[in-house]
Structure formats: C-alpha cells, structure tokens
Amino acid sequence: MKKLLTFLSLLAFSLVANATKYAYAKLLLTNGTSRIGLVETSLDNDYVRFKPADGAEPEKIAAEGIKTVAYLKEDQQTTVVEYDRIKVYLGWGQKRISDYAWFEVVERGIATLYVRGTTMRGSIYGTGTAGFLDYFVMRDGEPAAKMIANVSGANNNQTFRAKAPLYFADYPELAEKIKSKEYTWKDLVPAVKEYNMWAAANKK
C-alpha cells in the first residue's frame, strides 16, 4: 500500500543548494489553468507561495483558487506526490463538514482515496508521540470526503469494516469482501481500484 509521503520527503527534490523550502510543482487552478514553478513545501490553508523561477520573488496565491498541488521531480515531468484542497466529513457520524484543507492523493479515480497524517504528543510535557493516518474517499461532485480507515497501530481494521462497506454499498460484492475481511485496511488501494474499475464499467 502506498505510504504517506510527508513534506520532509519532498526536500530531496527541492533546490538543496540554497537549503530552500521550495520544490518543483504544478499548480492546477480552479479556473482551469495551471502553472509550473517552485512551490513551498509546507502548504498553508490561506495562501501558497509560488516562484515562477529560481531567484524570483515569491508570489502569494490564494489557496481557494488552487485545486491541486502536484510536486514534481526536477525534470518537471514526473509527479512525486499530489495534494488536493478538499473538505471532509467529521467524526464517526460523518454529518458535519470541515473547512477546506490539503490532503494527499493516494489513488485518483471516480472515487479518489486521500490520506492525512497527524501526530499527537504523549503528554503535556511532550514525552512520546503517536502518529495516525486517516484515509478518506470522495467521488466527483460530492461535497466532502468520507473517512473509511484509521491507521494508528491498534484496531486498524475497525473503521474500515464499519465505514467502507457503507461508502461502497452501490457495489455489493466489494462491500461484502470488506465485511468478510477478504479486504482489510491493508488493501485500501486494491479496494478503491476495484471500485473504480467497476464504476467505470457501470458508468458511475
């Protein structure tokens, strides 16, 4: 399964000569246009700093005008990792919707799989930390992505078995594979790929 790529990993593709926090990227804008240049490797919810070329003064581009940030290798052709600016449903009940935030694309398709990592301190003194990966899925046209898995080191399959069959209920065979543990949380990508193949064949 594809692992979460943190922004720290992007530093391998940045302009290390200047120890900069920028990396090559393609911005896909909400107006249908795109720009390629240097983008900061720590995305902000309000604006994104962009340099059209090395040495240029950074521009501040409003985040609300950006759909996707696709970080590239220095050949400016090969994508390293993509982030979409989306909303997600909150909590177990998944009734409330969050504000926009950046989520990493794991598998793009009719249903796109996203992941976001968080870190929590073990105590108020900062001794010990724990990392969590939350996985969401969203079809085109849906108002927000729904959580289908939490990976934290314990009971990782609980959310997947409870939530994924509901999201994929229009494909009963896949939902049953998840309920029966034929697919577990470790099979998130194969499950989403199978759904997208089925949805494409059925023109979803």
N, C-alpha and C. Protein backbone atom coordinates (compact mmCIF):
# COMPACT_ATOMS: atom_id res chain seq x y z
N MET A 1 0.84 -1.18 0.00
CA MET A 1 0.00 0.00 0.00
C MET A 1 0.88 1.23 0.00
N LYS A 2 0.48 2.21 -0.79
CA LYS A 2 1.27 3.43 -0.87
C LYS A 2 1.29 4.12 0.48
N LYS A 3 2.47 4.50 0.92
CA LYS A 3 2.64 5.15 2.21
C LYS A 3 2.48 6.65 2.07
N LEU A 4 2.12 7.26 3.17
CA LEU A 4 2.02 8.72 3.21
C LEU A 4 3.38 9.33 2.99
N LEU A 5 3.47 10.25 2.03
CA LEU A 5 4.71 10.99 1.81
C LEU A 5 4.60 12.33 2.52
N THR A 6 5.45 12.56 3.47
CA THR A 6 5.42 13.83 4.19
C THR A 6 6.16 14.87 3.38
N PHE A 7 5.96 16.12 3.79
CA PHE A 7 6.65 17.20 3.10
C PHE A 7 8.15 17.10 3.28
N LEU A 8 8.61 16.46 4.36
CA LEU A 8 10.04 16.31 4.54
C LEU A 8 10.66 15.51 3.42
N SER A 9 9.92 14.52 2.89
CA SER A 9 10.47 13.72 1.80
C SER A 9 10.62 14.53 0.54
N LEU A 10 9.87 15.61 0.43
CA LEU A 10 9.96 16.45 -0.76
C LEU A 10 11.28 17.22 -0.80
N LEU A 11 11.93 17.33 0.34
CA LEU A 11 13.18 18.08 0.35
C LEU A 11 14.23 17.46 -0.55
N ALA A 12 14.09 16.17 -0.81
CA ALA A 12 15.04 15.50 -1.70
C ALA A 12 14.91 16.02 -3.12
N PHE A 13 13.77 16.62 -3.43
CA PHE A 13 13.53 17.11 -4.77
C PHE A 13 13.58 18.64 -4.83
N SER A 14 13.90 19.29 -3.71
CA SER A 14 13.93 20.75 -3.69
C SER A 14 15.30 21.26 -4.10
N LEU A 15 15.42 22.55 -4.16
CA LEU A 15 16.69 23.16 -4.54
C LEU A 15 17.60 23.20 -3.32
N VAL A 16 18.27 22.09 -3.08
CA VAL A 16 19.05 21.94 -1.85
C VAL A 16 20.23 22.89 -1.80
N ALA A 17 20.65 23.40 -2.93
CA ALA A 17 21.82 24.29 -2.94
C ALA A 17 21.59 25.51 -2.06
N ASN A 18 20.34 25.98 -2.00
CA ASN A 18 20.02 27.15 -1.20
C ASN A 18 19.32 26.77 0.10
N ALA A 19 19.26 25.47 0.40
CA ALA A 19 18.56 24.98 1.60
C ALA A 19 17.17 25.59 1.66
N THR A 20 16.52 25.67 0.52
CA THR A 20 15.23 26.33 0.44
C THR A 20 14.10 25.40 0.85
N LYS A 21 12.96 25.97 1.10
CA LYS A 21 11.77 25.19 1.44
C LYS A 21 10.82 25.09 0.25
N TYR A 22 11.36 25.30 -0.94
CA TYR A 22 10.56 25.21 -2.16
C TYR A 22 10.92 23.96 -2.94
N ALA A 23 9.94 23.43 -3.70
CA ALA A 23 10.17 22.29 -4.57
C ALA A 23 9.42 22.52 -5.87
N TYR A 24 9.88 21.88 -6.94
CA TYR A 24 9.18 21.99 -8.22
C TYR A 24 7.77 21.44 -8.08
N ALA A 25 6.82 22.15 -8.66
CA ALA A 25 5.43 21.70 -8.58
C ALA A 25 4.60 22.31 -9.70
N LYS A 26 3.48 21.65 -9.95
CA LYS A 26 2.49 22.16 -10.90
C LYS A 26 1.24 22.50 -10.11
N LEU A 27 0.78 23.73 -10.25
CA LEU A 27 -0.46 24.15 -9.61
C LEU A 27 -1.61 24.02 -10.62
N LEU A 28 -2.63 23.27 -10.25
CA LEU A 28 -3.85 23.19 -11.04
C LEU A 28 -4.86 24.12 -10.39
N LEU A 29 -5.23 25.17 -11.09
CA LEU A 29 -6.08 26.20 -10.52
C LEU A 29 -7.55 25.91 -10.78
N THR A 30 -8.40 26.49 -9.95
CA THR A 30 -9.84 26.24 -10.06
C THR A 30 -10.43 26.84 -11.32
N ASN A 31 -9.73 27.77 -11.96
CA ASN A 31 -10.24 28.37 -13.20
C ASN A 31 -9.85 27.56 -14.44
N GLY A 32 -9.21 26.39 -14.22
CA GLY A 32 -8.88 25.51 -15.34
C GLY A 32 -7.47 25.69 -15.88
N THR A 33 -6.75 26.69 -15.42
CA THR A 33 -5.38 26.91 -15.89
C THR A 33 -4.40 26.22 -14.93
N SER A 34 -3.12 26.25 -15.30
CA SER A 34 -2.09 25.65 -14.45
C SER A 34 -0.82 26.48 -14.53
N ARG A 35 0.04 26.32 -13.53
CA ARG A 35 1.33 26.99 -13.50
C ARG A 35 2.37 26.02 -12.98
N ILE A 36 3.57 26.06 -13.54
CA ILE A 36 4.67 25.23 -13.08
C ILE A 36 5.79 26.13 -12.58
N GLY A 37 6.31 25.81 -11.43
CA GLY A 37 7.39 26.60 -10.86
C GLY A 37 7.83 25.99 -9.55
N LEU A 38 8.20 26.84 -8.61
CA LEU A 38 8.65 26.39 -7.30
C LEU A 38 7.58 26.75 -6.27
N VAL A 39 7.16 25.74 -5.50
CA VAL A 39 6.09 25.92 -4.52
C VAL A 39 6.63 25.53 -3.16
N GLU A 40 6.24 26.28 -2.15
CA GLU A 40 6.71 25.96 -0.80
C GLU A 40 6.26 24.55 -0.42
N THR A 41 7.06 23.89 0.40
CA THR A 41 6.78 22.51 0.76
C THR A 41 5.94 22.38 2.02
N SER A 42 5.47 23.50 2.55
CA SER A 42 4.55 23.49 3.68
C SER A 42 3.33 24.29 3.27
N LEU A 43 2.28 23.59 2.86
CA LEU A 43 1.11 24.27 2.30
C LEU A 43 0.26 24.92 3.38
N ASP A 44 -0.15 26.13 3.11
CA ASP A 44 -0.97 26.91 4.03
C ASP A 44 -2.42 26.87 3.56
N ASN A 45 -3.35 26.96 4.51
CA ASN A 45 -4.77 26.93 4.15
C ASN A 45 -5.26 28.26 3.57
N ASP A 46 -4.48 29.33 3.75
CA ASP A 46 -4.91 30.64 3.26
C ASP A 46 -4.28 31.00 1.91
N TYR A 47 -2.99 30.76 1.78
CA TYR A 47 -2.32 31.06 0.51
C TYR A 47 -1.11 30.16 0.36
N VAL A 48 -0.63 30.06 -0.88
CA VAL A 48 0.53 29.23 -1.20
C VAL A 48 1.57 30.13 -1.87
N ARG A 49 2.80 30.04 -1.41
CA ARG A 49 3.89 30.82 -2.02
C ARG A 49 4.40 30.11 -3.27
N PHE A 50 4.56 30.87 -4.32
CA PHE A 50 4.94 30.31 -5.63
C PHE A 50 6.01 31.18 -6.25
N LYS A 51 7.05 30.53 -6.80
CA LYS A 51 8.10 31.24 -7.55
C LYS A 51 8.08 30.73 -8.98
N PRO A 52 7.92 31.59 -9.96
CA PRO A 52 7.94 31.13 -11.35
C PRO A 52 9.31 30.61 -11.78
N ALA A 53 10.37 31.02 -11.09
CA ALA A 53 11.73 30.56 -11.40
C ALA A 53 12.60 30.75 -10.17
N ASP A 54 13.71 30.00 -10.14
CA ASP A 54 14.64 30.13 -9.03
C ASP A 54 15.19 31.55 -9.00
N GLY A 55 15.20 32.15 -7.83
CA GLY A 55 15.69 33.51 -7.68
C GLY A 55 14.61 34.56 -7.78
N ALA A 56 13.43 34.18 -8.26
CA ALA A 56 12.33 35.13 -8.37
C ALA A 56 11.72 35.39 -7.00
N GLU A 57 11.09 36.53 -6.86
CA GLU A 57 10.39 36.84 -5.63
C GLU A 57 9.12 35.97 -5.54
N PRO A 58 8.84 35.40 -4.37
CA PRO A 58 7.66 34.55 -4.25
C PRO A 58 6.36 35.35 -4.36
N GLU A 59 5.39 34.75 -5.03
CA GLU A 59 4.04 35.30 -5.09
C GLU A 59 3.19 34.57 -4.06
N LYS A 60 2.18 35.24 -3.56
CA LYS A 60 1.20 34.61 -2.70
C LYS A 60 -0.07 34.35 -3.51
N ILE A 61 -0.37 33.08 -3.71
CA ILE A 61 -1.57 32.71 -4.46
C ILE A 61 -2.61 32.20 -3.47
N ALA A 62 -3.80 32.78 -3.52
CA ALA A 62 -4.86 32.38 -2.59
C ALA A 62 -5.15 30.89 -2.73
N ALA A 63 -5.17 30.18 -1.61
CA ALA A 63 -5.40 28.74 -1.62
C ALA A 63 -6.77 28.40 -2.22
N GLU A 64 -7.75 29.27 -2.04
CA GLU A 64 -9.09 28.99 -2.56
C GLU A 64 -9.12 28.93 -4.08
N GLY A 65 -8.08 29.45 -4.72
CA GLY A 65 -8.02 29.40 -6.17
C GLY A 65 -7.23 28.22 -6.71
N ILE A 66 -6.76 27.34 -5.80
CA ILE A 66 -5.94 26.20 -6.20
C ILE A 66 -6.70 24.90 -5.93
N LYS A 67 -6.76 24.04 -6.92
CA LYS A 67 -7.41 22.75 -6.78
C LYS A 67 -6.43 21.67 -6.35
N THR A 68 -5.26 21.63 -6.99
CA THR A 68 -4.28 20.58 -6.75
C THR A 68 -2.87 21.15 -6.79
N VAL A 69 -2.01 20.67 -5.90
CA VAL A 69 -0.58 20.94 -5.96
C VAL A 69 0.10 19.61 -6.24
N ALA A 70 0.74 19.50 -7.40
CA ALA A 70 1.44 18.28 -7.78
C ALA A 70 2.93 18.53 -7.74
N TYR A 71 3.61 18.00 -6.73
CA TYR A 71 5.06 18.18 -6.63
C TYR A 71 5.75 17.28 -7.64
N LEU A 72 6.79 17.83 -8.27
CA LEU A 72 7.47 17.17 -9.38
C LEU A 72 8.94 16.93 -9.06
N LYS A 73 9.52 15.96 -9.77
CA LYS A 73 10.97 15.84 -9.75
C LYS A 73 11.55 17.00 -10.54
N GLU A 74 12.86 17.14 -10.51
CA GLU A 74 13.48 18.29 -11.16
C GLU A 74 13.34 18.26 -12.68
N ASP A 75 12.93 17.10 -13.25
CA ASP A 75 12.67 17.08 -14.68
C ASP A 75 11.36 17.78 -15.01
N GLN A 76 10.61 18.16 -13.97
CA GLN A 76 9.34 18.86 -14.09
C GLN A 76 8.31 18.06 -14.87
N GLN A 77 8.50 16.76 -14.97
CA GLN A 77 7.57 15.89 -15.68
C GLN A 77 6.98 14.80 -14.77
N THR A 78 7.80 14.24 -13.90
CA THR A 78 7.39 13.11 -13.08
C THR A 78 6.82 13.59 -11.75
N THR A 79 5.59 13.18 -11.45
CA THR A 79 4.94 13.58 -10.20
C THR A 79 5.47 12.77 -9.03
N VAL A 80 5.80 13.45 -7.96
CA VAL A 80 6.24 12.79 -6.73
C VAL A 80 5.05 12.52 -5.83
N VAL A 81 4.26 13.55 -5.60
CA VAL A 81 3.08 13.44 -4.74
C VAL A 81 2.14 14.58 -5.07
N GLU A 82 0.83 14.33 -4.91
CA GLU A 82 -0.19 15.34 -5.19
C GLU A 82 -1.00 15.63 -3.93
N TYR A 83 -1.42 16.89 -3.81
CA TYR A 83 -2.32 17.28 -2.73
C TYR A 83 -3.52 18.01 -3.32
N ASP A 84 -4.71 17.62 -2.90
CA ASP A 84 -5.94 18.30 -3.28
C ASP A 84 -6.46 19.10 -2.10
N ARG A 85 -7.08 20.20 -2.38
CA ARG A 85 -7.72 21.02 -1.35
C ARG A 85 -9.19 20.63 -1.29
N ILE A 86 -9.57 19.92 -0.24
CA ILE A 86 -10.93 19.37 -0.15
C ILE A 86 -11.49 19.58 1.25
N LYS A 87 -12.77 19.26 1.39
CA LYS A 87 -13.43 19.19 2.68
C LYS A 87 -13.66 17.72 3.02
N VAL A 88 -13.82 17.43 4.33
CA VAL A 88 -14.10 16.06 4.76
C VAL A 88 -15.23 16.08 5.78
N TYR A 89 -15.93 14.94 5.86
CA TYR A 89 -16.94 14.78 6.90
C TYR A 89 -16.22 14.49 8.22
N LEU A 90 -16.75 15.05 9.30
CA LEU A 90 -16.09 14.97 10.60
C LEU A 90 -16.75 13.93 11.51
N GLY A 91 -15.94 13.31 12.35
CA GLY A 91 -16.45 12.43 13.39
C GLY A 91 -16.99 11.11 12.87
N TRP A 92 -17.40 10.27 13.82
CA TRP A 92 -17.90 8.95 13.47
C TRP A 92 -19.24 9.03 12.72
N GLY A 93 -20.07 9.99 13.10
CA GLY A 93 -21.37 10.14 12.45
C GLY A 93 -21.28 10.72 11.05
N GLN A 94 -20.20 11.42 10.76
CA GLN A 94 -19.93 11.98 9.44
C GLN A 94 -21.11 12.82 8.92
N LYS A 95 -21.57 13.72 9.78
CA LYS A 95 -22.66 14.61 9.38
C LYS A 95 -22.16 16.04 9.19
N ARG A 96 -21.23 16.46 10.04
CA ARG A 96 -20.67 17.80 9.90
C ARG A 96 -19.53 17.78 8.88
N ILE A 97 -19.31 18.93 8.24
CA ILE A 97 -18.28 19.03 7.21
C ILE A 97 -17.23 20.05 7.64
N SER A 98 -15.98 19.70 7.41
CA SER A 98 -14.85 20.55 7.79
C SER A 98 -14.70 21.73 6.84
N ASP A 99 -13.78 22.60 7.19
CA ASP A 99 -13.32 23.62 6.25
C ASP A 99 -12.37 22.95 5.25
N TYR A 100 -11.98 23.68 4.23
CA TYR A 100 -11.03 23.14 3.25
C TYR A 100 -9.66 22.93 3.90
N ALA A 101 -8.98 21.87 3.46
CA ALA A 101 -7.61 21.59 3.90
C ALA A 101 -6.93 20.74 2.83
N TRP A 102 -5.62 20.60 2.95
CA TRP A 102 -4.84 19.86 1.96
C TRP A 102 -4.74 18.38 2.37
N PHE A 103 -5.08 17.50 1.42
CA PHE A 103 -5.00 16.06 1.65
C PHE A 103 -4.20 15.41 0.52
N GLU A 104 -3.37 14.44 0.90
CA GLU A 104 -2.55 13.76 -0.09
C GLU A 104 -3.39 12.78 -0.90
N VAL A 105 -3.20 12.77 -2.20
CA VAL A 105 -3.88 11.82 -3.09
C VAL A 105 -3.11 10.50 -3.06
N VAL A 106 -3.81 9.42 -2.72
CA VAL A 106 -3.21 8.09 -2.72
C VAL A 106 -3.56 7.36 -4.01
N GLU A 107 -4.82 7.42 -4.40
CA GLU A 107 -5.29 6.77 -5.64
C GLU A 107 -6.38 7.64 -6.23
N ARG A 108 -6.14 8.13 -7.45
CA ARG A 108 -7.12 9.01 -8.08
C ARG A 108 -8.00 8.23 -9.05
N GLY A 109 -9.29 8.53 -9.06
CA GLY A 109 -10.21 7.87 -9.97
C GLY A 109 -11.61 8.39 -9.77
N ILE A 110 -12.61 7.63 -10.22
CA ILE A 110 -14.00 8.01 -9.99
C ILE A 110 -14.22 8.25 -8.50
N ALA A 111 -13.66 7.37 -7.69
CA ALA A 111 -13.55 7.59 -6.25
C ALA A 111 -12.08 7.78 -5.94
N THR A 112 -11.73 8.92 -5.37
CA THR A 112 -10.33 9.22 -5.07
C THR A 112 -10.05 8.97 -3.59
N LEU A 113 -8.95 8.26 -3.33
CA LEU A 113 -8.54 7.94 -1.97
C LEU A 113 -7.52 8.97 -1.50
N TYR A 114 -7.77 9.52 -0.31
CA TYR A 114 -6.89 10.53 0.28
C TYR A 114 -6.38 10.05 1.62
N VAL A 115 -5.26 10.63 2.05
CA VAL A 115 -4.73 10.34 3.38
C VAL A 115 -4.23 11.63 4.00
N ARG A 116 -4.35 11.67 5.32
CA ARG A 116 -3.77 12.80 6.06
C ARG A 116 -3.19 12.26 7.35
N GLY A 117 -1.97 12.66 7.65
CA GLY A 117 -1.29 12.20 8.86
C GLY A 117 -1.33 13.24 9.94
N THR A 118 -1.46 12.79 11.19
CA THR A 118 -1.41 13.68 12.34
C THR A 118 -0.51 13.06 13.39
N THR A 119 0.05 13.90 14.24
CA THR A 119 0.91 13.45 15.33
C THR A 119 0.39 14.04 16.63
N MET A 120 0.30 13.19 17.65
CA MET A 120 -0.16 13.64 18.97
C MET A 120 0.94 13.39 20.00
N ARG A 121 1.09 14.35 20.91
CA ARG A 121 2.06 14.19 21.99
C ARG A 121 1.52 13.23 23.04
N GLY A 122 2.43 12.48 23.64
CA GLY A 122 2.01 11.51 24.64
C GLY A 122 1.65 12.13 25.97
N SER A 123 2.12 13.35 26.25
CA SER A 123 1.80 14.02 27.50
C SER A 123 1.97 15.51 27.32
N ILE A 124 1.57 16.25 28.32
CA ILE A 124 1.69 17.71 28.23
C ILE A 124 3.14 18.15 28.22
N TYR A 125 4.04 17.24 28.62
CA TYR A 125 5.47 17.57 28.63
C TYR A 125 6.14 17.17 27.32
N GLY A 126 5.36 16.59 26.38
CA GLY A 126 5.90 16.27 25.07
C GLY A 126 6.72 15.01 25.03
N THR A 127 6.62 14.16 26.06
CA THR A 127 7.39 12.92 26.08
C THR A 127 6.63 11.84 25.35
N GLY A 128 7.14 11.45 24.20
CA GLY A 128 6.49 10.41 23.42
C GLY A 128 5.46 11.00 22.47
N THR A 129 5.43 10.48 21.26
CA THR A 129 4.46 10.92 20.26
C THR A 129 3.83 9.71 19.60
N ALA A 130 2.66 9.91 19.02
CA ALA A 130 1.98 8.84 18.30
C ALA A 130 1.50 9.39 16.97
N GLY A 131 1.67 8.61 15.91
CA GLY A 131 1.26 9.05 14.58
C GLY A 131 0.00 8.33 14.14
N PHE A 132 -0.84 9.05 13.41
CA PHE A 132 -2.10 8.50 12.92
C PHE A 132 -2.25 8.83 11.44
N LEU A 133 -2.79 7.91 10.68
CA LEU A 133 -3.13 8.14 9.29
C LEU A 133 -4.63 7.97 9.13
N ASP A 134 -5.29 8.99 8.63
CA ASP A 134 -6.72 8.94 8.38
C ASP A 134 -6.94 8.92 6.87
N TYR A 135 -7.70 7.94 6.41
CA TYR A 135 -7.97 7.77 4.98
C TYR A 135 -9.41 8.15 4.67
N PHE A 136 -9.57 8.89 3.58
CA PHE A 136 -10.87 9.37 3.14
C PHE A 136 -11.06 9.04 1.67
N VAL A 137 -12.32 8.98 1.24
CA VAL A 137 -12.60 8.72 -0.17
C VAL A 137 -13.72 9.65 -0.62
N MET A 138 -13.65 10.09 -1.87
CA MET A 138 -14.64 11.02 -2.39
C MET A 138 -14.82 10.83 -3.89
N ARG A 139 -16.06 10.83 -4.32
CA ARG A 139 -16.37 10.80 -5.75
C ARG A 139 -16.52 12.23 -6.25
N ASP A 140 -16.32 12.43 -7.54
CA ASP A 140 -16.52 13.74 -8.14
C ASP A 140 -17.95 14.20 -7.88
N GLY A 141 -18.10 15.45 -7.50
CA GLY A 141 -19.42 16.01 -7.27
C GLY A 141 -19.90 15.91 -5.84
N GLU A 142 -19.22 15.10 -5.01
CA GLU A 142 -19.63 15.00 -3.61
C GLU A 142 -19.11 16.20 -2.83
N PRO A 143 -19.86 16.66 -1.82
CA PRO A 143 -19.45 17.88 -1.11
C PRO A 143 -18.22 17.72 -0.25
N ALA A 144 -17.94 16.49 0.20
CA ALA A 144 -16.79 16.26 1.07
C ALA A 144 -16.44 14.78 1.04
N ALA A 145 -15.21 14.49 1.47
CA ALA A 145 -14.73 13.10 1.50
C ALA A 145 -15.16 12.43 2.81
N LYS A 146 -15.38 11.13 2.75
CA LYS A 146 -15.78 10.37 3.93
C LYS A 146 -14.64 9.48 4.41
N MET A 147 -14.47 9.42 5.73
CA MET A 147 -13.43 8.58 6.30
C MET A 147 -13.78 7.11 6.13
N ILE A 148 -12.79 6.31 5.70
CA ILE A 148 -13.03 4.87 5.58
C ILE A 148 -11.97 4.05 6.32
N ALA A 149 -10.95 4.69 6.87
CA ALA A 149 -9.95 3.93 7.63
C ALA A 149 -9.13 4.86 8.50
N ASN A 150 -8.76 4.33 9.68
CA ASN A 150 -7.79 4.98 10.57
C ASN A 150 -6.67 3.99 10.83
N VAL A 151 -5.44 4.43 10.69
CA VAL A 151 -4.30 3.57 10.94
C VAL A 151 -3.48 4.19 12.07
N SER A 152 -3.46 3.51 13.21
CA SER A 152 -2.76 4.06 14.37
C SER A 152 -1.98 3.00 15.14
N GLY A 153 -1.94 1.76 14.64
CA GLY A 153 -1.19 0.72 15.30
C GLY A 153 -2.02 -0.28 16.06
N ALA A 154 -3.31 0.05 16.31
CA ALA A 154 -4.20 -0.87 17.03
C ALA A 154 -5.60 -0.78 16.45
N ASN A 155 -6.24 -1.92 16.29
CA ASN A 155 -7.61 -1.98 15.76
C ASN A 155 -7.74 -1.22 14.43
N ASN A 156 -6.74 -1.38 13.59
CA ASN A 156 -6.73 -0.62 12.33
C ASN A 156 -7.87 -0.99 11.39
N ASN A 157 -8.44 -2.18 11.56
CA ASN A 157 -9.49 -2.60 10.63
C ASN A 157 -10.88 -2.18 11.07
N GLN A 158 -11.01 -1.67 12.28
CA GLN A 158 -12.33 -1.36 12.83
C GLN A 158 -13.09 -0.35 11.97
N THR A 159 -12.46 0.78 11.69
CA THR A 159 -13.13 1.82 10.90
C THR A 159 -13.36 1.35 9.48
N PHE A 160 -12.39 0.63 8.91
CA PHE A 160 -12.52 0.17 7.54
C PHE A 160 -13.73 -0.76 7.38
N ARG A 161 -13.88 -1.70 8.30
CA ARG A 161 -15.01 -2.65 8.21
C ARG A 161 -16.34 -1.95 8.45
N ALA A 162 -16.33 -0.91 9.27
CA ALA A 162 -17.58 -0.23 9.59
C ALA A 162 -18.00 0.78 8.52
N LYS A 163 -17.02 1.52 7.99
CA LYS A 163 -17.35 2.64 7.11
C LYS A 163 -17.22 2.34 5.61
N ALA A 164 -16.21 1.56 5.22
CA ALA A 164 -16.00 1.32 3.79
C ALA A 164 -17.18 0.60 3.13
N PRO A 165 -17.80 -0.43 3.76
CA PRO A 165 -18.95 -1.07 3.12
C PRO A 165 -20.11 -0.11 2.88
N LEU A 166 -20.27 0.86 3.76
CA LEU A 166 -21.33 1.85 3.57
C LEU A 166 -21.05 2.73 2.37
N TYR A 167 -19.80 3.15 2.24
CA TYR A 167 -19.45 4.03 1.12
C TYR A 167 -19.55 3.29 -0.21
N PHE A 168 -19.16 2.02 -0.22
CA PHE A 168 -19.17 1.23 -1.45
C PHE A 168 -20.42 0.36 -1.57
N ALA A 169 -21.50 0.77 -0.92
CA ALA A 169 -22.71 -0.04 -0.90
C ALA A 169 -23.32 -0.24 -2.29
N ASP A 170 -23.04 0.67 -3.21
CA ASP A 170 -23.58 0.51 -4.57
C ASP A 170 -22.89 -0.61 -5.33
N TYR A 171 -21.79 -1.12 -4.77
CA TYR A 171 -21.10 -2.27 -5.34
C TYR A 171 -21.10 -3.36 -4.26
N PRO A 172 -22.20 -4.12 -4.14
CA PRO A 172 -22.38 -5.06 -3.03
C PRO A 172 -21.27 -6.10 -2.91
N GLU A 173 -20.73 -6.56 -4.02
CA GLU A 173 -19.67 -7.57 -3.96
C GLU A 173 -18.43 -7.04 -3.24
N LEU A 174 -18.08 -5.81 -3.51
CA LEU A 174 -16.93 -5.20 -2.84
C LEU A 174 -17.24 -4.98 -1.36
N ALA A 175 -18.43 -4.50 -1.07
CA ALA A 175 -18.82 -4.29 0.33
C ALA A 175 -18.73 -5.59 1.12
N GLU A 176 -19.12 -6.69 0.50
CA GLU A 176 -19.08 -7.98 1.18
C GLU A 176 -17.64 -8.44 1.39
N LYS A 177 -16.75 -8.18 0.44
CA LYS A 177 -15.34 -8.54 0.61
C LYS A 177 -14.74 -7.82 1.82
N ILE A 178 -15.17 -6.59 2.06
CA ILE A 178 -14.66 -5.83 3.20
C ILE A 178 -15.25 -6.36 4.50
N LYS A 179 -16.54 -6.64 4.49
CA LYS A 179 -17.19 -7.17 5.69
C LYS A 179 -16.61 -8.52 6.10
N SER A 180 -16.28 -9.35 5.10
CA SER A 180 -15.77 -10.70 5.38
C SER A 180 -14.26 -10.73 5.63
N LYS A 181 -13.62 -9.57 5.60
CA LYS A 181 -12.18 -9.41 5.80
C LYS A 181 -11.34 -9.98 4.66
N GLU A 182 -11.98 -10.24 3.51
CA GLU A 182 -11.17 -10.58 2.33
C GLU A 182 -10.30 -9.39 1.97
N TYR A 183 -10.88 -8.21 2.13
CA TYR A 183 -10.13 -6.97 2.04
C TYR A 183 -10.04 -6.39 3.45
N THR A 184 -8.83 -6.05 3.90
CA THR A 184 -8.65 -5.37 5.17
C THR A 184 -8.10 -3.97 4.89
N TRP A 185 -7.80 -3.25 5.96
CA TRP A 185 -7.28 -1.89 5.79
C TRP A 185 -5.98 -1.88 4.99
N LYS A 186 -5.26 -2.99 4.98
CA LYS A 186 -4.03 -3.06 4.20
C LYS A 186 -4.32 -3.11 2.70
N ASP A 187 -5.57 -3.35 2.33
CA ASP A 187 -5.97 -3.45 0.92
C ASP A 187 -6.76 -2.24 0.47
N LEU A 188 -6.53 -1.11 1.10
CA LEU A 188 -7.25 0.11 0.73
C LEU A 188 -7.12 0.44 -0.75
N VAL A 189 -5.90 0.44 -1.24
CA VAL A 189 -5.68 0.80 -2.64
C VAL A 189 -6.31 -0.22 -3.59
N PRO A 190 -6.09 -1.54 -3.40
CA PRO A 190 -6.76 -2.51 -4.28
C PRO A 190 -8.28 -2.38 -4.23
N ALA A 191 -8.83 -2.12 -3.05
CA ALA A 191 -10.29 -1.99 -2.93
C ALA A 191 -10.80 -0.79 -3.73
N VAL A 192 -10.10 0.34 -3.61
CA VAL A 192 -10.52 1.54 -4.36
C VAL A 192 -10.33 1.33 -5.85
N LYS A 193 -9.25 0.67 -6.24
CA LYS A 193 -9.03 0.38 -7.66
C LYS A 193 -10.14 -0.52 -8.21
N GLU A 194 -10.51 -1.53 -7.43
CA GLU A 194 -11.58 -2.42 -7.88
C GLU A 194 -12.89 -1.66 -8.02
N TYR A 195 -13.17 -0.78 -7.06
CA TYR A 195 -14.39 0.01 -7.16
C TYR A 195 -14.38 0.88 -8.41
N ASN A 196 -13.25 1.53 -8.68
CA ASN A 196 -13.18 2.43 -9.82
C ASN A 196 -13.32 1.68 -11.14
N MET A 197 -12.77 0.48 -11.22
CA MET A 197 -12.94 -0.34 -12.43
C MET A 197 -14.40 -0.72 -12.60
N TRP A 198 -15.04 -1.12 -11.51
CA TRP A 198 -16.47 -1.47 -11.56
C TRP A 198 -17.31 -0.25 -11.92
N ALA A 199 -17.02 0.88 -11.29
CA ALA A 199 -17.79 2.10 -11.55
C ALA A 199 -17.65 2.56 -13.00
N ALA A 200 -16.43 2.45 -13.53
CA ALA A 200 -16.21 2.84 -14.93
C ALA A 200 -16.99 1.92 -15.88
N ALA A 201 -16.98 0.63 -15.57
CA ALA A 201 -17.72 -0.32 -16.41
C ALA A 201 -19.22 -0.09 -16.34
N ASN A 202 -19.66 0.41 -15.19
CA ASN A 202 -21.09 0.67 -14.99
C ASN A 202 -21.44 2.14 -15.14
N LYS A 203 -20.47 2.92 -15.64
CA LYS A 203 -20.67 4.34 -15.93
C LYS A 203 -21.18 5.12 -14.73
N LYS A 204 -20.51 4.90 -13.60
CA LYS A 204 -20.88 5.65 -12.40
C LYS A 204 -20.33 7.07 -12.45
